[in-house]
Amino acid sequence: MSVQNSDHAQIRKIIKGRLATGEPIEAHETTLPPNGFPHPPHHHVHSEMWLIREGTVELTINGTTHRLSAGGAGFVHSNEEHGIKNVGAGPATYFVVAIGPGADS
């Protein structure tokens, strides 16, 4: 997969399209450097799930922080404010699966 570099993350797109039932879906892999985050906390209409491959991250949902490491998973419902940050000493890599309106844009 090709890598898109930003100031805060490396992103590898996996899929973008629609499920058989019509919902938009998008999945990508992100790698963050230590203390890195892809963007400030935000919210959107689609739901998201994170699957942590390596490293340690803090996932904040509506002001509550959850520490996740390799093998961990997190989920945010539509319109919940959320953000993710690498809190480990090395890189953190995780998969994001987004489902719902706007996930394929």
N, C-alpha and C. Protein backbone atom coordinates (compact mmCIF):
# COMPACT_ATOMS: atom_id res chain seq x y z
N MET A 1 0.84 -1.18 0.00
CA MET A 1 0.00 0.00 0.00
C MET A 1 0.88 1.24 0.00
N SER A 2 0.51 2.20 -0.78
CA SER A 2 1.29 3.43 -0.82
C SER A 2 1.05 4.23 0.46
N VAL A 3 2.04 5.04 0.81
CA VAL A 3 2.01 5.82 2.05
C VAL A 3 1.75 7.28 1.73
N GLN A 4 0.81 7.89 2.46
CA GLN A 4 0.59 9.33 2.40
C GLN A 4 1.15 9.90 3.70
N ASN A 5 2.10 10.82 3.59
CA ASN A 5 2.70 11.43 4.76
C ASN A 5 2.05 12.77 5.04
N SER A 6 1.76 13.02 6.31
CA SER A 6 1.31 14.33 6.74
C SER A 6 2.27 14.79 7.83
N ASP A 7 2.02 15.93 8.42
CA ASP A 7 2.88 16.43 9.49
C ASP A 7 2.85 15.52 10.71
N HIS A 8 1.74 14.79 10.89
CA HIS A 8 1.54 14.05 12.13
C HIS A 8 1.39 12.55 11.95
N ALA A 9 1.29 12.05 10.72
CA ALA A 9 0.97 10.63 10.55
C ALA A 9 1.37 10.12 9.18
N GLN A 10 1.52 8.80 9.09
CA GLN A 10 1.64 8.10 7.81
C GLN A 10 0.35 7.32 7.63
N ILE A 11 -0.29 7.46 6.48
CA ILE A 11 -1.59 6.82 6.25
C ILE A 11 -1.51 5.94 5.01
N ARG A 12 -2.05 4.74 5.13
CA ARG A 12 -2.13 3.79 4.02
C ARG A 12 -3.59 3.44 3.80
N LYS A 13 -4.15 3.85 2.67
CA LYS A 13 -5.56 3.56 2.37
C LYS A 13 -5.71 2.08 2.03
N ILE A 14 -6.78 1.48 2.55
CA ILE A 14 -7.04 0.07 2.31
C ILE A 14 -8.26 -0.11 1.40
N ILE A 15 -9.42 0.39 1.81
CA ILE A 15 -10.63 0.28 0.99
C ILE A 15 -11.49 1.53 1.15
N LYS A 16 -12.32 1.76 0.16
CA LYS A 16 -13.33 2.82 0.22
C LYS A 16 -14.45 2.39 -0.72
N GLY A 17 -15.67 2.39 -0.21
CA GLY A 17 -16.79 1.99 -1.05
C GLY A 17 -18.07 1.90 -0.27
N ARG A 18 -18.91 0.93 -0.63
CA ARG A 18 -20.20 0.74 0.03
C ARG A 18 -20.41 -0.74 0.34
N LEU A 19 -21.05 -0.98 1.47
CA LEU A 19 -21.43 -2.34 1.83
C LEU A 19 -22.60 -2.78 0.95
N ALA A 20 -22.90 -4.06 0.93
CA ALA A 20 -24.03 -4.58 0.15
C ALA A 20 -25.35 -3.95 0.61
N THR A 21 -25.41 -3.51 1.86
CA THR A 21 -26.61 -2.88 2.40
C THR A 21 -26.67 -1.38 2.13
N GLY A 22 -25.63 -0.83 1.48
CA GLY A 22 -25.65 0.57 1.06
C GLY A 22 -24.85 1.53 1.90
N GLU A 23 -24.42 1.16 3.11
CA GLU A 23 -23.66 2.09 3.95
C GLU A 23 -22.26 2.30 3.40
N PRO A 24 -21.80 3.55 3.40
CA PRO A 24 -20.42 3.82 3.02
C PRO A 24 -19.46 3.19 4.02
N ILE A 25 -18.30 2.74 3.53
CA ILE A 25 -17.27 2.17 4.39
C ILE A 25 -15.90 2.64 3.89
N GLU A 26 -14.99 2.85 4.83
CA GLU A 26 -13.62 3.24 4.50
C GLU A 26 -12.73 2.62 5.56
N ALA A 27 -11.57 2.12 5.14
CA ALA A 27 -10.60 1.57 6.09
C ALA A 27 -9.20 2.04 5.68
N HIS A 28 -8.38 2.34 6.69
CA HIS A 28 -7.00 2.73 6.44
C HIS A 28 -6.15 2.34 7.65
N GLU A 29 -4.85 2.33 7.43
CA GLU A 29 -3.88 2.08 8.48
C GLU A 29 -3.13 3.38 8.74
N THR A 30 -2.93 3.71 10.00
CA THR A 30 -2.20 4.93 10.37
C THR A 30 -1.04 4.57 11.29
N THR A 31 0.10 5.21 11.06
CA THR A 31 1.25 5.10 11.95
C THR A 31 1.57 6.49 12.49
N LEU A 32 1.64 6.59 13.82
CA LEU A 32 1.95 7.85 14.48
C LEU A 32 3.31 7.77 15.16
N PRO A 33 4.11 8.83 15.10
CA PRO A 33 5.36 8.86 15.86
C PRO A 33 5.04 9.07 17.34
N PRO A 34 6.01 8.88 18.23
CA PRO A 34 5.77 9.16 19.65
C PRO A 34 5.20 10.58 19.83
N ASN A 35 4.20 10.70 20.67
CA ASN A 35 3.48 11.95 20.94
C ASN A 35 2.69 12.47 19.75
N GLY A 36 2.61 11.70 18.67
CA GLY A 36 1.89 12.14 17.48
C GLY A 36 0.40 11.90 17.57
N PHE A 37 -0.34 12.72 16.83
CA PHE A 37 -1.79 12.56 16.70
C PHE A 37 -2.16 13.03 15.30
N PRO A 38 -3.18 12.41 14.68
CA PRO A 38 -3.48 12.76 13.29
C PRO A 38 -4.17 14.10 13.12
N HIS A 39 -4.93 14.54 14.14
CA HIS A 39 -5.66 15.80 14.09
C HIS A 39 -6.25 16.05 15.47
N PRO A 40 -6.71 17.27 15.75
CA PRO A 40 -7.33 17.56 17.04
C PRO A 40 -8.64 16.76 17.19
N PRO A 41 -9.15 16.64 18.42
CA PRO A 41 -10.43 15.96 18.62
C PRO A 41 -11.50 16.57 17.72
N HIS A 42 -12.40 15.72 17.24
CA HIS A 42 -13.43 16.15 16.30
C HIS A 42 -14.60 15.19 16.38
N HIS A 43 -15.63 15.43 15.59
CA HIS A 43 -16.76 14.51 15.49
C HIS A 43 -17.29 14.55 14.07
N HIS A 44 -18.02 13.50 13.69
CA HIS A 44 -18.61 13.39 12.36
C HIS A 44 -19.77 12.41 12.42
N VAL A 45 -20.51 12.31 11.33
CA VAL A 45 -21.72 11.49 11.31
C VAL A 45 -21.41 10.00 11.34
N HIS A 46 -20.35 9.56 10.66
CA HIS A 46 -20.08 8.12 10.64
C HIS A 46 -19.47 7.62 11.95
N SER A 47 -19.62 6.32 12.18
CA SER A 47 -19.01 5.65 13.33
C SER A 47 -17.61 5.17 12.93
N GLU A 48 -16.74 4.98 13.92
CA GLU A 48 -15.39 4.50 13.64
C GLU A 48 -14.97 3.45 14.66
N MET A 49 -14.14 2.51 14.19
CA MET A 49 -13.54 1.51 15.05
C MET A 49 -12.04 1.54 14.83
N TRP A 50 -11.26 1.43 15.90
CA TRP A 50 -9.80 1.37 15.84
C TRP A 50 -9.35 -0.01 16.29
N LEU A 51 -8.41 -0.58 15.58
CA LEU A 51 -7.80 -1.85 15.93
C LEU A 51 -6.30 -1.59 16.05
N ILE A 52 -5.75 -1.70 17.23
CA ILE A 52 -4.37 -1.32 17.48
C ILE A 52 -3.44 -2.48 17.11
N ARG A 53 -2.51 -2.23 16.20
CA ARG A 53 -1.57 -3.25 15.76
C ARG A 53 -0.28 -3.25 16.59
N GLU A 54 0.26 -2.04 16.87
CA GLU A 54 1.48 -1.95 17.68
C GLU A 54 1.51 -0.61 18.39
N GLY A 55 2.23 -0.58 19.50
CA GLY A 55 2.37 0.66 20.25
C GLY A 55 1.26 0.84 21.28
N THR A 56 1.23 2.03 21.86
CA THR A 56 0.24 2.38 22.87
C THR A 56 -0.36 3.74 22.53
N VAL A 57 -1.67 3.81 22.51
CA VAL A 57 -2.38 5.05 22.19
C VAL A 57 -3.36 5.39 23.30
N GLU A 58 -3.72 6.66 23.35
CA GLU A 58 -4.84 7.10 24.17
C GLU A 58 -5.95 7.53 23.24
N LEU A 59 -7.08 6.89 23.38
CA LEU A 59 -8.28 7.22 22.62
C LEU A 59 -9.21 7.98 23.57
N THR A 60 -9.54 9.21 23.22
CA THR A 60 -10.42 10.01 24.05
C THR A 60 -11.78 10.14 23.36
N ILE A 61 -12.83 9.74 24.08
CA ILE A 61 -14.19 9.79 23.55
C ILE A 61 -15.04 10.60 24.53
N ASN A 62 -15.58 11.71 24.04
CA ASN A 62 -16.41 12.59 24.88
C ASN A 62 -15.73 12.91 26.21
N GLY A 63 -14.41 13.16 26.17
CA GLY A 63 -13.67 13.57 27.35
C GLY A 63 -13.16 12.43 28.23
N THR A 64 -13.51 11.19 27.93
CA THR A 64 -13.03 10.04 28.70
C THR A 64 -11.89 9.37 27.94
N THR A 65 -10.75 9.18 28.60
CA THR A 65 -9.56 8.63 27.96
C THR A 65 -9.44 7.14 28.22
N HIS A 66 -9.10 6.41 27.16
CA HIS A 66 -8.89 4.97 27.22
C HIS A 66 -7.49 4.68 26.68
N ARG A 67 -6.70 3.90 27.41
CA ARG A 67 -5.36 3.52 26.95
C ARG A 67 -5.47 2.16 26.28
N LEU A 68 -4.99 2.09 25.03
CA LEU A 68 -5.06 0.86 24.24
C LEU A 68 -3.68 0.49 23.74
N SER A 69 -3.37 -0.79 23.75
CA SER A 69 -2.09 -1.27 23.20
C SER A 69 -2.37 -2.37 22.19
N ALA A 70 -1.31 -2.95 21.65
CA ALA A 70 -1.44 -3.96 20.58
C ALA A 70 -2.52 -4.98 20.93
N GLY A 71 -3.43 -5.21 19.99
CA GLY A 71 -4.54 -6.12 20.19
C GLY A 71 -5.79 -5.45 20.72
N GLY A 72 -5.68 -4.20 21.15
CA GLY A 72 -6.82 -3.47 21.69
C GLY A 72 -7.72 -2.93 20.59
N ALA A 73 -8.94 -2.59 20.97
CA ALA A 73 -9.91 -2.04 20.02
C ALA A 73 -10.72 -0.95 20.69
N GLY A 74 -11.12 0.03 19.89
CA GLY A 74 -11.97 1.11 20.38
C GLY A 74 -13.05 1.40 19.36
N PHE A 75 -14.15 2.01 19.82
CA PHE A 75 -15.27 2.31 18.94
C PHE A 75 -15.88 3.64 19.35
N VAL A 76 -16.28 4.43 18.37
CA VAL A 76 -16.98 5.68 18.63
C VAL A 76 -18.25 5.71 17.79
N HIS A 77 -19.35 6.11 18.42
CA HIS A 77 -20.63 6.23 17.74
C HIS A 77 -20.68 7.53 16.94
N SER A 78 -21.61 7.63 16.06
CA SER A 78 -21.86 8.84 15.28
C SER A 78 -21.93 10.07 16.18
N ASN A 79 -21.24 11.12 15.77
CA ASN A 79 -21.26 12.44 16.41
C ASN A 79 -20.61 12.50 17.79
N GLU A 80 -19.96 11.44 18.27
CA GLU A 80 -19.22 11.54 19.53
C GLU A 80 -17.87 12.20 19.26
N GLU A 81 -17.49 13.15 20.12
CA GLU A 81 -16.18 13.78 19.95
C GLU A 81 -15.10 12.78 20.33
N HIS A 82 -14.05 12.71 19.49
CA HIS A 82 -13.00 11.73 19.73
C HIS A 82 -11.67 12.22 19.17
N GLY A 83 -10.61 11.65 19.74
CA GLY A 83 -9.26 11.92 19.27
C GLY A 83 -8.36 10.76 19.70
N ILE A 84 -7.24 10.61 19.03
CA ILE A 84 -6.30 9.54 19.34
C ILE A 84 -4.89 10.11 19.33
N LYS A 85 -4.04 9.61 20.25
CA LYS A 85 -2.67 10.10 20.37
C LYS A 85 -1.76 8.95 20.74
N ASN A 86 -0.57 8.92 20.16
CA ASN A 86 0.44 7.94 20.53
C ASN A 86 1.08 8.38 21.84
N VAL A 87 0.96 7.55 22.88
CA VAL A 87 1.54 7.88 24.18
C VAL A 87 2.72 6.96 24.52
N GLY A 88 3.14 6.14 23.56
CA GLY A 88 4.25 5.22 23.78
C GLY A 88 5.58 5.82 23.36
N ALA A 89 6.66 5.08 23.64
CA ALA A 89 8.01 5.53 23.31
C ALA A 89 8.37 5.31 21.84
N GLY A 90 7.67 4.41 21.17
CA GLY A 90 7.94 4.12 19.76
C GLY A 90 6.71 4.40 18.91
N PRO A 91 6.77 4.05 17.63
CA PRO A 91 5.63 4.28 16.75
C PRO A 91 4.39 3.50 17.21
N ALA A 92 3.22 4.01 16.88
CA ALA A 92 1.95 3.32 17.12
C ALA A 92 1.26 3.16 15.77
N THR A 93 0.84 1.95 15.47
CA THR A 93 0.15 1.68 14.21
C THR A 93 -1.21 1.06 14.52
N TYR A 94 -2.23 1.55 13.83
CA TYR A 94 -3.58 1.05 14.06
C TYR A 94 -4.38 1.12 12.76
N PHE A 95 -5.43 0.32 12.71
CA PHE A 95 -6.37 0.33 11.60
C PHE A 95 -7.61 1.10 12.02
N VAL A 96 -8.19 1.85 11.09
CA VAL A 96 -9.45 2.55 11.30
C VAL A 96 -10.46 1.99 10.31
N VAL A 97 -11.65 1.64 10.81
CA VAL A 97 -12.74 1.24 9.95
C VAL A 97 -13.88 2.23 10.22
N ALA A 98 -14.29 2.96 9.20
CA ALA A 98 -15.34 3.96 9.31
C ALA A 98 -16.55 3.48 8.51
N ILE A 99 -17.73 3.53 9.13
CA ILE A 99 -18.96 3.09 8.48
C ILE A 99 -20.06 4.12 8.71
N GLY A 100 -20.70 4.53 7.63
CA GLY A 100 -21.83 5.44 7.72
C GLY A 100 -21.64 6.65 6.84
N PRO A 101 -22.59 7.58 6.89
CA PRO A 101 -22.56 8.77 6.04
C PRO A 101 -21.23 9.53 6.16
N GLY A 102 -20.61 9.79 5.02
CA GLY A 102 -19.36 10.54 4.99
C GLY A 102 -18.12 9.69 5.08
N ALA A 103 -18.26 8.40 5.38
CA ALA A 103 -17.09 7.55 5.52
C ALA A 103 -16.36 7.38 4.19
N ASP A 104 -17.06 7.48 3.10
CA ASP A 104 -16.43 7.26 1.79
C ASP A 104 -16.05 8.55 1.08
N SER A 105 -16.12 9.69 1.79
CA SER A 105 -15.76 10.96 1.14
C SER A 105 -14.35 11.39 1.47
